[in-house]
């Protein structure tokens, strides 16, 4: 569930970063339930990659967005869910 919030915030950043070059991808941030998520969204040949850390505990995450699905590692655990699920979590 926590990873859904990461992607929900990152999805809003995808649109903002889509026009920027991959090398110049700025770091984005949002706060949820007392944690601050700092991440970058990069365009790759295979889709988008969202990577960063959750603070204050500096937990890393690295997620791929491809064909409407999100998968990767967050806090050392494998995660996988639909992009639409993350958007729904953002509205709760």
C-alpha atoms as a PDB file:
ATOM      1  CA  UNK A   1       0.000   0.000   0.000  1.00  0.00           C
ATOM      2  CA  UNK A   2       2.801   2.398   0.862  1.00  0.00           C
ATOM      3  CA  UNK A   3       4.347   1.885  -2.564  1.00  0.00           C
ATOM      4  CA  UNK A   4       1.055   2.873  -4.152  1.00  0.00           C
ATOM      5  CA  UNK A   5       1.401   6.280  -2.516  1.00  0.00           C
ATOM      6  CA  UNK A   6       4.933   6.587  -3.849  1.00  0.00           C
ATOM      7  CA  UNK A   7       3.739   5.959  -7.361  1.00  0.00           C
ATOM      8  CA  UNK A   8       0.660   8.149  -6.949  1.00  0.00           C
ATOM      9  CA  UNK A   9       2.892  11.109  -6.190  1.00  0.00           C
ATOM     10  CA  UNK A  10       5.348  10.127  -8.871  1.00  0.00           C
ATOM     11  CA  UNK A  11       2.641   9.776 -11.497  1.00  0.00           C
ATOM     12  CA  UNK A  12       1.799  13.431 -11.069  1.00  0.00           C
ATOM     13  CA  UNK A  13       5.479  14.201 -11.602  1.00  0.00           C
ATOM     14  CA  UNK A  14       5.656  12.097 -14.769  1.00  0.00           C
ATOM     15  CA  UNK A  15       3.566  14.576 -16.707  1.00  0.00           C
ATOM     16  CA  UNK A  16       5.689  17.463 -15.448  1.00  0.00           C
ATOM     17  CA  UNK A  17       8.951  15.751 -16.336  1.00  0.00           C
ATOM     18  CA  UNK A  18       7.907  14.274 -19.670  1.00  0.00           C
ATOM     19  CA  UNK A  19       9.148  17.307 -21.582  1.00  0.00           C
ATOM     20  CA  UNK A  20      12.523  17.376 -19.835  1.00  0.00           C
ATOM     21  CA  UNK A  21      15.600  15.502 -20.996  1.00  0.00           C
ATOM     22  CA  UNK A  22      16.405  12.258 -19.195  1.00  0.00           C
ATOM     23  CA  UNK A  23      19.754  13.609 -17.999  1.00  0.00           C
ATOM     24  CA  UNK A  24      18.113  16.666 -16.451  1.00  0.00           C
ATOM     25  CA  UNK A  25      15.410  14.812 -14.516  1.00  0.00           C
ATOM     26  CA  UNK A  26      14.822  16.927 -11.400  1.00  0.00           C
ATOM     27  CA  UNK A  27      14.244  15.430  -7.990  1.00  0.00           C
ATOM     28  CA  UNK A  28      10.615  15.547  -6.950  1.00  0.00           C
ATOM     29  CA  UNK A  29       9.232  15.265  -3.421  1.00  0.00           C
ATOM     30  CA  UNK A  30       5.998  14.798  -1.547  1.00  0.00           C
ATOM     31  CA  UNK A  31       5.050  14.033   2.048  1.00  0.00           C
ATOM     32  CA  UNK A  32       2.647  11.300   3.168  1.00  0.00           C
ATOM     33  CA  UNK A  33       1.953   9.987   6.684  1.00  0.00           C
ATOM     34  CA  UNK A  34       5.014  11.705   8.128  1.00  0.00           C
ATOM     35  CA  UNK A  35       7.440  10.447   5.472  1.00  0.00           C
ATOM     36  CA  UNK A  36       9.018  12.561   2.752  1.00  0.00           C
ATOM     37  CA  UNK A  37       9.587  10.827  -0.586  1.00  0.00           C
ATOM     38  CA  UNK A  38      12.368  12.219  -2.776  1.00  0.00           C
ATOM     39  CA  UNK A  39      12.585  10.671  -6.241  1.00  0.00           C
ATOM     40  CA  UNK A  40      13.351  11.073  -9.915  1.00  0.00           C
ATOM     41  CA  UNK A  41      11.306   9.928 -12.877  1.00  0.00           C
ATOM     42  CA  UNK A  42      13.282   8.906 -15.945  1.00  0.00           C
ATOM     43  CA  UNK A  43      12.119   7.897 -19.394  1.00  0.00           C
ATOM     44  CA  UNK A  44      13.765   4.731 -20.684  1.00  0.00           C
ATOM     45  CA  UNK A  45      13.267   2.614 -23.789  1.00  0.00           C
ATOM     46  CA  UNK A  46      11.242   0.176 -21.693  1.00  0.00           C
ATOM     47  CA  UNK A  47       9.031   2.782 -19.982  1.00  0.00           C
ATOM     48  CA  UNK A  48       9.402   5.077 -16.989  1.00  0.00           C
ATOM     49  CA  UNK A  49      11.604   4.421 -13.957  1.00  0.00           C
ATOM     50  CA  UNK A  50      10.835   5.982 -10.574  1.00  0.00           C
ATOM     51  CA  UNK A  51      13.675   5.840  -8.069  1.00  0.00           C
ATOM     52  CA  UNK A  52      14.487   7.555  -4.822  1.00  0.00           C
ATOM     53  CA  UNK A  53      14.373   7.366  -1.040  1.00  0.00           C
ATOM     54  CA  UNK A  54      11.818   7.760   1.733  1.00  0.00           C
ATOM     55  CA  UNK A  55      12.955   9.898   4.668  1.00  0.00           C
ATOM     56  CA  UNK A  56      13.716  10.111   7.580  1.00  0.00           C
ATOM     57  CA  UNK A  57      14.717   6.420   7.407  1.00  0.00           C
ATOM     58  CA  UNK A  58      16.333   6.669   3.912  1.00  0.00           C
ATOM     59  CA  UNK A  59      14.519   3.585   2.585  1.00  0.00           C
ATOM     60  CA  UNK A  60      15.283   3.177  -1.134  1.00  0.00           C
ATOM     61  CA  UNK A  61      12.792   2.379  -3.861  1.00  0.00           C
ATOM     62  CA  UNK A  62      13.174   1.656  -7.555  1.00  0.00           C
ATOM     63  CA  UNK A  63      10.010   1.116  -9.582  1.00  0.00           C
ATOM     64  CA  UNK A  64       9.361   0.588 -13.284  1.00  0.00           C
ATOM     65  CA  UNK A  65       6.161   1.781 -14.953  1.00  0.00           C
ATOM     66  CA  UNK A  66       5.295  -0.098 -18.134  1.00  0.00           C
ATOM     67  CA  UNK A  67       2.035  -1.012 -19.859  1.00  0.00           C
ATOM     68  CA  UNK A  68      -0.080   0.316 -17.001  1.00  0.00           C
ATOM     69  CA  UNK A  69       1.752  -1.728 -14.364  1.00  0.00           C
ATOM     70  CA  UNK A  70       4.234  -0.770 -11.659  1.00  0.00           C
ATOM     71  CA  UNK A  71       6.828  -3.203 -10.366  1.00  0.00           C
ATOM     72  CA  UNK A  72      10.109  -3.107  -8.537  1.00  0.00           C
ATOM     73  CA  UNK A  73      11.607  -2.925  -5.080  1.00  0.00           C
ATOM     74  CA  UNK A  74      10.581  -0.676  -2.198  1.00  0.00           C
ATOM     75  CA  UNK A  75      12.319  -0.995   1.150  1.00  0.00           C
ATOM     76  CA  UNK A  76      13.918  -4.269   0.058  1.00  0.00           C
ATOM     77  CA  UNK A  77      10.564  -5.852  -0.808  1.00  0.00           C
ATOM     78  CA  UNK A  78       9.185  -6.700  -4.233  1.00  0.00           C
ATOM     79  CA  UNK A  79       6.082  -4.719  -5.158  1.00  0.00           C
ATOM     80  CA  UNK A  80       3.733  -4.957  -8.136  1.00  0.00           C
ATOM     81  CA  UNK A  81       0.407  -3.261  -8.836  1.00  0.00           C
ATOM     82  CA  UNK A  82      -1.580  -1.447 -11.520  1.00  0.00           C
ATOM     83  CA  UNK A  83      -1.022   2.261 -12.143  1.00  0.00           C
ATOM     84  CA  UNK A  84      -4.754   2.766 -11.666  1.00  0.00           C
ATOM     85  CA  UNK A  85      -4.516   1.300  -8.151  1.00  0.00           C
ATOM     86  CA  UNK A  86      -1.970   3.976  -7.232  1.00  0.00           C
ATOM     87  CA  UNK A  87      -4.171   6.723  -8.627  1.00  0.00           C
ATOM     88  CA  UNK A  88      -7.041   5.436  -6.514  1.00  0.00           C
ATOM     89  CA  UNK A  89      -4.851   5.455  -3.408  1.00  0.00           C
ATOM     90  CA  UNK A  90      -3.970   9.094  -4.030  1.00  0.00           C
ATOM     91  CA  UNK A  91      -7.622  10.095  -3.871  1.00  0.00           C
ATOM     92  CA  UNK A  92      -8.234   8.401  -0.482  1.00  0.00           C
END
